[in-house]
PDB file of all heavy atoms in Angstrom:
ATOM      1  N   ASN A   1       8.837   6.953  25.239  1.00  0.00           N
ATOM      2  CA  ASN A   1       8.846   7.801  26.437  1.00  0.00           C
ATOM      3  C   ASN A   1      10.192   8.514  26.538  1.00  0.00           C
ATOM      4  O   ASN A   1      11.162   7.972  27.055  1.00  0.00           O
ATOM      5  CB  ASN A   1       8.595   6.969  27.697  1.00  0.00           C
ATOM      6  CG  ASN A   1       8.317   7.838  28.913  1.00  0.00           C
ATOM      7  OD1 ASN A   1       8.720   8.989  28.974  1.00  0.00           O
ATOM      8  ND2 ASN A   1       7.628   7.277  29.891  1.00  0.00           N
ATOM      9  N   THR A   2      10.232   9.743  26.047  1.00  0.00           N
ATOM     10  CA  THR A   2      11.496  10.478  26.029  1.00  0.00           C
ATOM     11  C   THR A   2      11.970  10.842  27.423  1.00  0.00           C
ATOM     12  O   THR A   2      13.169  11.034  27.652  1.00  0.00           O
ATOM     13  CB  THR A   2      11.354  11.765  25.197  1.00  0.00           C
ATOM     14  OG1 THR A   2      10.357  12.606  25.785  1.00  0.00           O
ATOM     15  CG2 THR A   2      10.961  11.431  23.766  1.00  0.00           C
ATOM     16  N   GLU A   3      11.060  10.949  28.396  1.00  0.00           N
ATOM     17  CA  GLU A   3      11.449  11.356  29.748  1.00  0.00           C
ATOM     18  C   GLU A   3      12.330  10.320  30.424  1.00  0.00           C
ATOM     19  O   GLU A   3      13.110  10.662  31.317  1.00  0.00           O
ATOM     20  CB  GLU A   3      10.203  11.607  30.597  1.00  0.00           C
ATOM     21  CG  GLU A   3       9.403  12.822  30.147  1.00  0.00           C
ATOM     22  CD  GLU A   3       8.213  13.092  31.043  1.00  0.00           C
ATOM     23  OE1 GLU A   3       8.036  12.332  32.037  1.00  0.00           O
ATOM     24  OE2 GLU A   3       7.469  14.043  30.777  1.00  0.00           O
ATOM     25  N   ILE A   4      12.214   9.064  30.018  1.00  0.00           N
ATOM     26  CA  ILE A   4      13.054   8.022  30.616  1.00  0.00           C
ATOM     27  C   ILE A   4      14.000   7.424  29.567  1.00  0.00           C
ATOM     28  O   ILE A   4      14.453   6.294  29.700  1.00  0.00           O
ATOM     29  CB  ILE A   4      12.197   6.920  31.272  1.00  0.00           C
ATOM     30  CG1 ILE A   4      11.259   6.258  30.253  1.00  0.00           C
ATOM     31  CG2 ILE A   4      11.415   7.485  32.440  1.00  0.00           C
ATOM     32  CD1 ILE A   4      10.520   5.042  30.810  1.00  0.00           C
ATOM     33  N   ASN A   5      14.292   8.205  28.545  1.00  0.00           N
ATOM     34  CA  ASN A   5      15.237   7.797  27.500  1.00  0.00           C
ATOM     35  C   ASN A   5      14.813   6.502  26.806  1.00  0.00           C
ATOM     36  O   ASN A   5      15.653   5.676  26.437  1.00  0.00           O
ATOM     37  CB  ASN A   5      16.649   7.635  28.090  1.00  0.00           C
ATOM     38  CG  ASN A   5      17.226   8.945  28.587  1.00  0.00           C
ATOM     39  OD1 ASN A   5      17.131   9.967  27.911  1.00  0.00           O
ATOM     40  ND2 ASN A   5      17.802   8.931  29.778  1.00  0.00           N
ATOM     41  N   ASN A   6      13.524   6.368  26.586  1.00  0.00           N
ATOM     42  CA  ASN A   6      13.000   5.208  25.869  1.00  0.00           C
ATOM     43  C   ASN A   6      12.637   5.651  24.449  1.00  0.00           C
ATOM     44  O   ASN A   6      11.613   6.295  24.236  1.00  0.00           O
ATOM     45  CB  ASN A   6      11.778   4.642  26.587  1.00  0.00           C
ATOM     46  CG  ASN A   6      11.233   3.394  25.916  1.00  0.00           C
ATOM     47  OD1 ASN A   6      11.535   3.095  24.764  1.00  0.00           O
ATOM     48  ND2 ASN A   6      10.402   2.652  26.643  1.00  0.00           N
ATOM     49  N   PHE A   7      13.499   5.298  23.493  1.00  0.00           N
ATOM     50  CA  PHE A   7      13.324   5.775  22.122  1.00  0.00           C
ATOM     51  C   PHE A   7      12.892   4.673  21.165  1.00  0.00           C
ATOM     52  O   PHE A   7      13.145   4.741  19.964  1.00  0.00           O
ATOM     53  CB  PHE A   7      14.604   6.473  21.654  1.00  0.00           C
ATOM     54  CG  PHE A   7      14.779   7.793  22.329  1.00  0.00           C
ATOM     55  CD1 PHE A   7      15.493   7.896  23.511  1.00  0.00           C
ATOM     56  CD2 PHE A   7      14.170   8.921  21.831  1.00  0.00           C
ATOM     57  CE1 PHE A   7      15.621   9.100  24.168  1.00  0.00           C
ATOM     58  CE2 PHE A   7      14.283  10.137  22.467  1.00  0.00           C
ATOM     59  CZ  PHE A   7      15.018  10.231  23.647  1.00  0.00           C
ATOM     60  N   ASN A   8      12.203   3.673  21.724  1.00  0.00           N
ATOM     61  CA  ASN A   8      11.502   2.740  20.862  1.00  0.00           C
ATOM     62  C   ASN A   8      10.448   3.498  20.067  1.00  0.00           C
ATOM     63  O   ASN A   8       9.929   4.529  20.505  1.00  0.00           O
ATOM     64  CB  ASN A   8      10.843   1.648  21.712  1.00  0.00           C
ATOM     65  CG  ASN A   8      11.823   0.597  22.180  1.00  0.00           C
ATOM     66  OD1 ASN A   8      12.190  -0.297  21.425  1.00  0.00           O
ATOM     67  ND2 ASN A   8      12.277   0.719  23.425  1.00  0.00           N
ATOM     68  N   ILE A   9      10.131   2.985  18.880  1.00  0.00           N
ATOM     69  CA  ILE A   9       9.134   3.627  18.017  1.00  0.00           C
ATOM     70  C   ILE A   9       7.964   2.676  17.804  1.00  0.00           C
ATOM     71  O   ILE A   9       8.104   1.451  17.913  1.00  0.00           O
ATOM     72  CB  ILE A   9       9.744   4.050  16.668  1.00  0.00           C
ATOM     73  CG1 ILE A   9      10.353   2.842  15.954  1.00  0.00           C
ATOM     74  CG2 ILE A   9      10.781   5.139  16.875  1.00  0.00           C
ATOM     75  CD1 ILE A   9      10.856   3.142  14.547  1.00  0.00           C
ATOM     76  N   GLU A  10       6.803   3.252  17.499  1.00  0.00           N
ATOM     77  CA  GLU A  10       5.576   2.460  17.450  1.00  0.00           C
ATOM     78  C   GLU A  10       5.247   2.015  16.025  1.00  0.00           C
ATOM     79  O   GLU A  10       5.273   2.816  15.086  1.00  0.00           O
ATOM     80  CB  GLU A  10       4.416   3.266  18.019  1.00  0.00           C
ATOM     81  CG  GLU A  10       3.139   2.447  18.161  1.00  0.00           C
ATOM     82  CD  GLU A  10       2.073   3.187  18.935  1.00  0.00           C
ATOM     83  OE1 GLU A  10       1.998   4.421  18.825  1.00  0.00           O
ATOM     84  OE2 GLU A  10       1.305   2.513  19.654  1.00  0.00           O
ATOM     85  N   THR A  11       4.922   0.759  15.909  1.00  0.00           N
ATOM     86  CA  THR A  11       4.519   0.199  14.618  1.00  0.00           C
ATOM     87  C   THR A  11       3.244   0.878  14.121  1.00  0.00           C
ATOM     88  O   THR A  11       2.280   1.038  14.863  1.00  0.00           O
ATOM     89  CB  THR A  11       4.276  -1.318  14.747  1.00  0.00           C
ATOM     90  OG1 THR A  11       5.475  -1.948  15.175  1.00  0.00           O
ATOM     91  CG2 THR A  11       3.840  -1.915  13.423  1.00  0.00           C
ATOM     92  N   GLY A  12       3.281   1.311  12.885  1.00  0.00           N
ATOM     93  CA  GLY A  12       2.086   1.859  12.261  1.00  0.00           C
ATOM     94  C   GLY A  12       1.889   3.345  12.428  1.00  0.00           C
ATOM     95  O   GLY A  12       1.285   3.995  11.563  1.00  0.00           O
ATOM     96  N   THR A  13       2.369   3.932  13.524  1.00  0.00           N
ATOM     97  CA  THR A  13       2.181   5.363  13.755  1.00  0.00           C
ATOM     98  C   THR A  13       3.468   6.160  13.611  1.00  0.00           C
ATOM     99  O   THR A  13       3.417   7.360  13.352  1.00  0.00           O
ATOM    100  CB  THR A  13       1.581   5.629  15.142  1.00  0.00           C
ATOM    101  OG1 THR A  13       2.479   5.134  16.142  1.00  0.00           O
ATOM    102  CG2 THR A  13       0.235   4.933  15.305  1.00  0.00           C
ATOM    103  N   SER A  14       4.610   5.526  13.792  1.00  0.00           N
ATOM    104  CA  SER A  14       5.879   6.247  13.706  1.00  0.00           C
ATOM    105  C   SER A  14       6.225   6.546  12.248  1.00  0.00           C
ATOM    106  O   SER A  14       6.107   5.686  11.373  1.00  0.00           O
ATOM    107  CB  SER A  14       7.011   5.433  14.335  1.00  0.00           C
ATOM    108  OG  SER A  14       8.269   6.037  14.080  1.00  0.00           O
ATOM    109  N   ALA A  15       6.662   7.783  11.997  1.00  0.00           N
ATOM    110  CA  ALA A  15       7.107   8.149  10.647  1.00  0.00           C
ATOM    111  C   ALA A  15       8.376   7.418  10.255  1.00  0.00           C
ATOM    112  O   ALA A  15       8.737   7.381   9.080  1.00  0.00           O
ATOM    113  CB  ALA A  15       7.335   9.663  10.567  1.00  0.00           C
ATOM    114  N   ALA A  16       9.068   6.811  11.237  1.00  0.00           N
ATOM    115  CA  ALA A  16      10.289   6.049  10.949  1.00  0.00           C
ATOM    116  C   ALA A  16       9.986   4.623  10.504  1.00  0.00           C
ATOM    117  O   ALA A  16      10.879   3.924  10.003  1.00  0.00           O
ATOM    118  CB  ALA A  16      11.189   6.027  12.182  1.00  0.00           C
ATOM    119  N   ASP A  17       8.738   4.194  10.668  1.00  0.00           N
ATOM    120  CA  ASP A  17       8.361   2.807  10.378  1.00  0.00           C
ATOM    121  C   ASP A  17       8.441   2.524   8.884  1.00  0.00           C
ATOM    122  O   ASP A  17       7.715   3.118   8.075  1.00  0.00           O
ATOM    123  CB  ASP A  17       6.938   2.565  10.899  1.00  0.00           C
ATOM    124  CG  ASP A  17       6.533   1.098  10.844  1.00  0.00           C
ATOM    125  OD1 ASP A  17       7.424   0.245  10.605  1.00  0.00           O
ATOM    126  OD2 ASP A  17       5.344   0.804  11.045  1.00  0.00           O
ATOM    127  N   GLY A  18       9.352   1.636   8.506  1.00  0.00           N
ATOM    128  CA  GLY A  18       9.421   1.153   7.127  1.00  0.00           C
ATOM    129  C   GLY A  18      10.105   2.067   6.138  1.00  0.00           C
ATOM    130  O   GLY A  18      10.070   1.795   4.930  1.00  0.00           O
ATOM    131  N   ILE A  19      10.788   3.137   6.577  1.00  0.00           N
ATOM    132  CA  ILE A  19      11.391   4.067   5.610  1.00  0.00           C
ATOM    133  C   ILE A  19      12.872   3.783   5.361  1.00  0.00           C
ATOM    134  O   ILE A  19      13.507   4.470   4.567  1.00  0.00           O
ATOM    135  CB  ILE A  19      11.240   5.534   6.070  1.00  0.00           C
ATOM    136  CG1 ILE A  19      12.160   5.838   7.254  1.00  0.00           C
ATOM    137  CG2 ILE A  19       9.795   5.862   6.396  1.00  0.00           C
ATOM    138  CD1 ILE A  19      12.349   7.315   7.519  1.00  0.00           C
ATOM    139  N   GLY A  20      13.425   2.764   6.031  1.00  0.00           N
ATOM    140  CA  GLY A  20      14.860   2.537   5.957  1.00  0.00           C
ATOM    141  C   GLY A  20      15.334   1.945   4.638  1.00  0.00           C
ATOM    142  O   GLY A  20      14.566   1.345   3.874  1.00  0.00           O
ATOM    143  N   ASN A  21      16.610   2.107   4.393  1.00  0.00           N
ATOM    144  CA  ASN A  21      17.271   1.512   3.233  1.00  0.00           C
ATOM    145  C   ASN A  21      17.650   0.071   3.549  1.00  0.00           C
ATOM    146  O   ASN A  21      18.235  -0.215   4.603  1.00  0.00           O
ATOM    147  CB  ASN A  21      18.517   2.342   2.885  1.00  0.00           C
ATOM    148  CG  ASN A  21      19.328   1.725   1.765  1.00  0.00           C
ATOM    149  OD1 ASN A  21      20.203   0.908   2.025  1.00  0.00           O
ATOM    150  ND2 ASN A  21      19.058   2.126   0.539  1.00  0.00           N
ATOM    151  N   THR A  22      17.323  -0.850   2.641  1.00  0.00           N
ATOM    152  CA  THR A  22      17.550  -2.267   2.924  1.00  0.00           C
ATOM    153  C   THR A  22      19.031  -2.615   2.996  1.00  0.00           C
ATOM    154  O   THR A  22      19.435  -3.468   3.810  1.00  0.00           O
ATOM    155  CB  THR A  22      16.858  -3.135   1.862  1.00  0.00           C
ATOM    156  OG1 THR A  22      17.364  -2.782   0.564  1.00  0.00           O
ATOM    157  CG2 THR A  22      15.348  -2.924   1.882  1.00  0.00           C
ATOM    158  N   THR A  23      19.858  -2.002   2.179  1.00  0.00           N
ATOM    159  CA  THR A  23      21.291  -2.306   2.199  1.00  0.00           C
ATOM    160  C   THR A  23      21.894  -1.947   3.554  1.00  0.00           C
ATOM    161  O   THR A  23      22.688  -2.719   4.131  1.00  0.00           O
ATOM    162  CB  THR A  23      22.023  -1.544   1.079  1.00  0.00           C
ATOM    163  OG1 THR A  23      21.463  -1.928  -0.188  1.00  0.00           O
ATOM    164  CG2 THR A  23      23.504  -1.851   1.092  1.00  0.00           C
ATOM    165  N   THR A  24      21.511  -0.794   4.093  1.00  0.00           N
ATOM    166  CA  THR A  24      22.001  -0.399   5.412  1.00  0.00           C
ATOM    167  C   THR A  24      21.514  -1.364   6.484  1.00  0.00           C
ATOM    168  O   THR A  24      22.273  -1.754   7.377  1.00  0.00           O
ATOM    169  CB  THR A  24      21.533   1.030   5.752  1.00  0.00           C
ATOM    170  OG1 THR A  24      22.016   1.928   4.753  1.00  0.00           O
ATOM    171  CG2 THR A  24      22.042   1.468   7.105  1.00  0.00           C
ATOM    172  N   ALA A  25      20.257  -1.767   6.388  1.00  0.00           N
ATOM    173  CA  ALA A  25      19.701  -2.702   7.370  1.00  0.00           C
ATOM    174  C   ALA A  25      20.421  -4.043   7.335  1.00  0.00           C
ATOM    175  O   ALA A  25      20.606  -4.685   8.373  1.00  0.00           O
ATOM    176  CB  ALA A  25      18.207  -2.887   7.122  1.00  0.00           C
ATOM    177  N   GLN A  26      20.826  -4.474   6.169  1.00  0.00           N
ATOM    178  CA  GLN A  26      21.571  -5.734   6.073  1.00  0.00           C
ATOM    179  C   GLN A  26      22.949  -5.624   6.716  1.00  0.00           C
ATOM    180  O   GLN A  26      23.487  -6.612   7.217  1.00  0.00           O
ATOM    181  CB  GLN A  26      21.685  -6.142   4.604  1.00  0.00           C
ATOM    182  CG  GLN A  26      20.366  -6.607   3.996  1.00  0.00           C
ATOM    183  CD  GLN A  26      20.389  -6.680   2.482  1.00  0.00           C
ATOM    184  OE1 GLN A  26      21.426  -6.433   1.866  1.00  0.00           O
ATOM    185  NE2 GLN A  26      19.249  -6.996   1.879  1.00  0.00           N
ATOM    186  N   GLN A  27      23.505  -4.410   6.734  1.00  0.00           N
ATOM    187  CA  GLN A  27      24.787  -4.209   7.396  1.00  0.00           C
ATOM    188  C   GLN A  27      24.640  -4.215   8.917  1.00  0.00           C
ATOM    189  O   GLN A  27      25.589  -4.559   9.637  1.00  0.00           O
ATOM    190  CB  GLN A  27      25.402  -2.876   6.949  1.00  0.00           C
ATOM    191  CG  GLN A  27      25.785  -2.822   5.476  1.00  0.00           C
ATOM    192  CD  GLN A  27      26.218  -1.430   5.051  1.00  0.00           C
ATOM    193  OE1 GLN A  27      26.257  -0.499   5.861  1.00  0.00           O
ATOM    194  NE2 GLN A  27      26.543  -1.269   3.776  1.00  0.00           N
ATOM    195  N   VAL A  28      23.453  -3.814   9.392  1.00  0.00           N
ATOM    196  CA  VAL A  28      23.177  -3.777  10.838  1.00  0.00           C
ATOM    197  C   VAL A  28      21.889  -4.555  11.070  1.00  0.00           C
ATOM    198  O   VAL A  28      20.822  -3.982  11.325  1.00  0.00           O
ATOM    199  CB  VAL A  28      23.041  -2.321  11.333  1.00  0.00           C
ATOM    200  CG1 VAL A  28      23.053  -2.275  12.868  1.00  0.00           C
ATOM    201  CG2 VAL A  28      24.153  -1.430  10.790  1.00  0.00           C
ATOM    202  N   PRO A  29      21.930  -5.876  10.993  1.00  0.00           N
ATOM    203  CA  PRO A  29      20.687  -6.670  10.948  1.00  0.00           C
ATOM    204  C   PRO A  29      19.973  -6.827  12.285  1.00  0.00           C
ATOM    205  O   PRO A  29      18.837  -7.299  12.320  1.00  0.00           O
ATOM    206  CB  PRO A  29      21.178  -8.028  10.434  1.00  0.00           C
ATOM    207  CG  PRO A  29      22.600  -8.104  10.883  1.00  0.00           C
ATOM    208  CD  PRO A  29      23.130  -6.704  10.807  1.00  0.00           C
ATOM    209  N   ILE A  30      20.611  -6.434  13.380  1.00  0.00           N
ATOM    210  CA  ILE A  30      20.002  -6.573  14.708  1.00  0.00           C
ATOM    211  C   ILE A  30      19.934  -5.199  15.353  1.00  0.00           C
ATOM    212  O   ILE A  30      20.901  -4.436  15.325  1.00  0.00           O
ATOM    213  CB  ILE A  30      20.803  -7.545  15.587  1.00  0.00           C
ATOM    214  CG1 ILE A  30      20.829  -8.931  14.944  1.00  0.00           C
ATOM    215  CG2 ILE A  30      20.217  -7.631  16.991  1.00  0.00           C
ATOM    216  CD1 ILE A  30      21.695  -9.935  15.664  1.00  0.00           C
ATOM    217  N   ASP A  31      18.776  -4.849  15.939  1.00  0.00           N
ATOM    218  CA  ASP A  31      18.624  -3.517  16.510  1.00  0.00           C
ATOM    219  C   ASP A  31      19.158  -3.470  17.942  1.00  0.00           C
ATOM    220  O   ASP A  31      19.696  -4.446  18.468  1.00  0.00           O
ATOM    221  CB  ASP A  31      17.174  -3.048  16.414  1.00  0.00           C
ATOM    222  CG  ASP A  31      16.261  -3.645  17.492  1.00  0.00           C
ATOM    223  OD1 ASP A  31      16.686  -4.572  18.218  1.00  0.00           O
ATOM    224  OD2 ASP A  31      15.116  -3.169  17.620  1.00  0.00           O
ATOM    225  N   LEU A  32      19.007  -2.314  18.583  1.00  0.00           N
ATOM    226  CA  LEU A  32      19.571  -2.119  19.917  1.00  0.00           C
ATOM    227  C   LEU A  32      18.902  -2.996  20.965  1.00  0.00           C
ATOM    228  O   LEU A  32      19.486  -3.279  22.014  1.00  0.00           O
ATOM    229  CB  LEU A  32      19.457  -0.639  20.306  1.00  0.00           C
ATOM    230  CG  LEU A  32      20.181  -0.168  21.562  1.00  0.00           C
ATOM    231  CD1 LEU A  32      21.659  -0.541  21.538  1.00  0.00           C
ATOM    232  CD2 LEU A  32      20.026   1.337  21.726  1.00  0.00           C
ATOM    233  N   ASN A  33      17.686  -3.448  20.705  1.00  0.00           N
ATOM    234  CA  ASN A  33      17.005  -4.371  21.617  1.00  0.00           C
ATOM    235  C   ASN A  33      17.402  -5.816  21.398  1.00  0.00           C
ATOM    236  O   ASN A  33      16.946  -6.705  22.134  1.00  0.00           O
ATOM    237  CB  ASN A  33      15.486  -4.261  21.443  1.00  0.00           C
ATOM    238  CG  ASN A  33      14.920  -3.009  22.073  1.00  0.00           C
ATOM    239  OD1 ASN A  33      15.454  -2.502  23.054  1.00  0.00           O
ATOM    240  ND2 ASN A  33      13.830  -2.494  21.510  1.00  0.00           N
ATOM    241  N   GLY A  34      18.209  -6.080  20.375  1.00  0.00           N
ATOM    242  CA  GLY A  34      18.542  -7.459  20.035  1.00  0.00           C
ATOM    243  C   GLY A  34      17.527  -8.100  19.126  1.00  0.00           C
ATOM    244  O   GLY A  34      17.538  -9.317  18.924  1.00  0.00           O
ATOM    245  N   THR A  35      16.660  -7.280  18.529  1.00  0.00           N
ATOM    246  CA  THR A  35      15.617  -7.771  17.628  1.00  0.00           C
ATOM    247  C   THR A  35      16.119  -7.781  16.191  1.00  0.00           C
ATOM    248  O   THR A  35      16.794  -6.845  15.757  1.00  0.00           O
ATOM    249  CB  THR A  35      14.373  -6.870  17.720  1.00  0.00           C
ATOM    250  OG1 THR A  35      13.905  -6.839  19.085  1.00  0.00           O
ATOM    251  CG2 THR A  35      13.264  -7.359  16.810  1.00  0.00           C
ATOM    252  N   ASN A  36      15.785  -8.838  15.464  1.00  0.00           N
ATOM    253  CA  ASN A  36      16.151  -8.885  14.044  1.00  0.00           C
ATOM    254  C   ASN A  36      15.398  -7.810  13.270  1.00  0.00           C
ATOM    255  O   ASN A  36      14.183  -7.645  13.430  1.00  0.00           O
ATOM    256  CB  ASN A  36      15.832 -10.258  13.457  1.00  0.00           C
ATOM    257  CG  ASN A  36      16.735 -11.343  14.003  1.00  0.00           C
ATOM    258  OD1 ASN A  36      17.914 -11.106  14.278  1.00  0.00           O
ATOM    259  ND2 ASN A  36      16.196 -12.545  14.169  1.00  0.00           N
TER     260      ASN A  36
END
């Protein structure tokens, strides 16, 4: 919900889902929600 600054992304439908580099993810292992 961009209108309330909610930039969570949806599993399965978001183009961002699963495209990340693993080395970068290991450097930042916890997301902004505190989720691994």
